[in-house]
Amino acid sequence: MATLAPADRNRVRDVFSAAVSRMPDGSIAFTARAWAVRGRRPVRAEVSQALSQQ
């Protein structure tokens, strides 16, 4: 948004405002969800053997 020209920024704001409902105080309420995943890549057999021989 910061790199947009002021006219483009205003256009984005207007489109967004028309698409969402506002509370009487002007705030916008919405539900958000966050998902997180952590994984590990398996060690290849040759690397594992080399490390075990040290």
C-alpha atoms as a PDB file:
ATOM      1  CA  MET A   1       0.000   0.000   0.000  1.00  0.00           C
ATOM      2  CA  ALA A   2       2.766   2.422   0.862  1.00  0.00           C
ATOM      3  CA  THR A   3       4.147   2.301  -2.675  1.00  0.00           C
ATOM      4  CA  LEU A   4       0.797   3.094  -4.312  1.00  0.00           C
ATOM      5  CA  ALA A   5       0.033   6.547  -5.616  1.00  0.00           C
ATOM      6  CA  PRO A   6      -2.412   8.464  -3.378  1.00  0.00           C
ATOM      7  CA  ALA A   7      -5.236   8.106  -5.926  1.00  0.00           C
ATOM      8  CA  ASP A   8      -4.722   4.324  -6.088  1.00  0.00           C
ATOM      9  CA  ARG A   9      -4.589   4.106  -2.290  1.00  0.00           C
ATOM     10  CA  ASN A  10      -7.900   5.970  -2.060  1.00  0.00           C
ATOM     11  CA  ARG A  11      -9.439   3.633  -4.630  1.00  0.00           C
ATOM     12  CA  VAL A  12      -8.350   0.542  -2.636  1.00  0.00           C
ATOM     13  CA  ARG A  13      -9.752   2.101   0.546  1.00  0.00           C
ATOM     14  CA  ASP A  14     -13.085   2.865  -1.138  1.00  0.00           C
ATOM     15  CA  VAL A  15     -13.443  -0.647  -2.597  1.00  0.00           C
ATOM     16  CA  PHE A  16     -12.568  -2.235   0.738  1.00  0.00           C
ATOM     17  CA  SER A  17     -14.972   0.032   2.638  1.00  0.00           C
ATOM     18  CA  ALA A  18     -17.801  -0.898   0.278  1.00  0.00           C
ATOM     19  CA  ALA A  19     -17.100  -4.627   0.729  1.00  0.00           C
ATOM     20  CA  VAL A  20     -17.087  -4.824   4.553  1.00  0.00           C
ATOM     21  CA  SER A  21     -19.559  -3.911   7.272  1.00  0.00           C
ATOM     22  CA  ARG A  22     -18.575  -1.318   9.827  1.00  0.00           C
ATOM     23  CA  MET A  23     -19.689  -1.121  13.438  1.00  0.00           C
ATOM     24  CA  PRO A  24     -21.363   2.102  14.666  1.00  0.00           C
ATOM     25  CA  ASP A  25     -18.010   3.275  16.053  1.00  0.00           C
ATOM     26  CA  GLY A  26     -16.343   2.795  12.647  1.00  0.00           C
ATOM     27  CA  SER A  27     -14.413  -0.356  13.551  1.00  0.00           C
ATOM     28  CA  ILE A  28     -14.391  -3.496  11.407  1.00  0.00           C
ATOM     29  CA  ALA A  29     -14.915  -6.923  12.997  1.00  0.00           C
ATOM     30  CA  PHE A  30     -13.785 -10.108  11.291  1.00  0.00           C
ATOM     31  CA  THR A  31     -12.777 -13.644  12.177  1.00  0.00           C
ATOM     32  CA  ALA A  32      -9.215 -14.724  11.493  1.00  0.00           C
ATOM     33  CA  ARG A  33      -7.483 -18.059  11.800  1.00  0.00           C
ATOM     34  CA  ALA A  34      -3.806 -18.841  11.912  1.00  0.00           C
ATOM     35  CA  TRP A  35      -2.262 -22.184  11.135  1.00  0.00           C
ATOM     36  CA  ALA A  36       1.323 -23.131  11.833  1.00  0.00           C
ATOM     37  CA  VAL A  37       3.252 -26.196  10.776  1.00  0.00           C
ATOM     38  CA  ARG A  38       6.754 -27.258  11.636  1.00  0.00           C
ATOM     39  CA  GLY A  39       8.447 -30.090   9.865  1.00  0.00           C
ATOM     40  CA  ARG A  40      11.817 -31.760   9.661  1.00  0.00           C
ATOM     41  CA  ARG A  41      13.458 -33.083   6.563  1.00  0.00           C
ATOM     42  CA  PRO A  42      14.770 -36.650   6.948  1.00  0.00           C
ATOM     43  CA  VAL A  43      18.543 -37.045   6.939  1.00  0.00           C
ATOM     44  CA  ARG A  44      19.886 -39.035   4.009  1.00  0.00           C
ATOM     45  CA  ALA A  45      21.412 -42.420   4.874  1.00  0.00           C
ATOM     46  CA  GLU A  46      24.948 -41.540   3.706  1.00  0.00           C
ATOM     47  CA  VAL A  47      25.066 -38.373   5.796  1.00  0.00           C
ATOM     48  CA  SER A  48      23.754 -40.253   8.821  1.00  0.00           C
ATOM     49  CA  GLN A  49      26.406 -42.991   8.413  1.00  0.00           C
ATOM     50  CA  ALA A  50      29.225 -40.459   8.009  1.00  0.00           C
ATOM     51  CA  LEU A  51      28.184 -38.667  11.181  1.00  0.00           C
ATOM     52  CA  SER A  52      27.923 -41.909  13.167  1.00  0.00           C
ATOM     53  CA  GLN A  53      31.478 -42.922  12.188  1.00  0.00           C
ATOM     54  CA  GLN A  54      33.036 -39.772  13.677  1.00  0.00           C
END
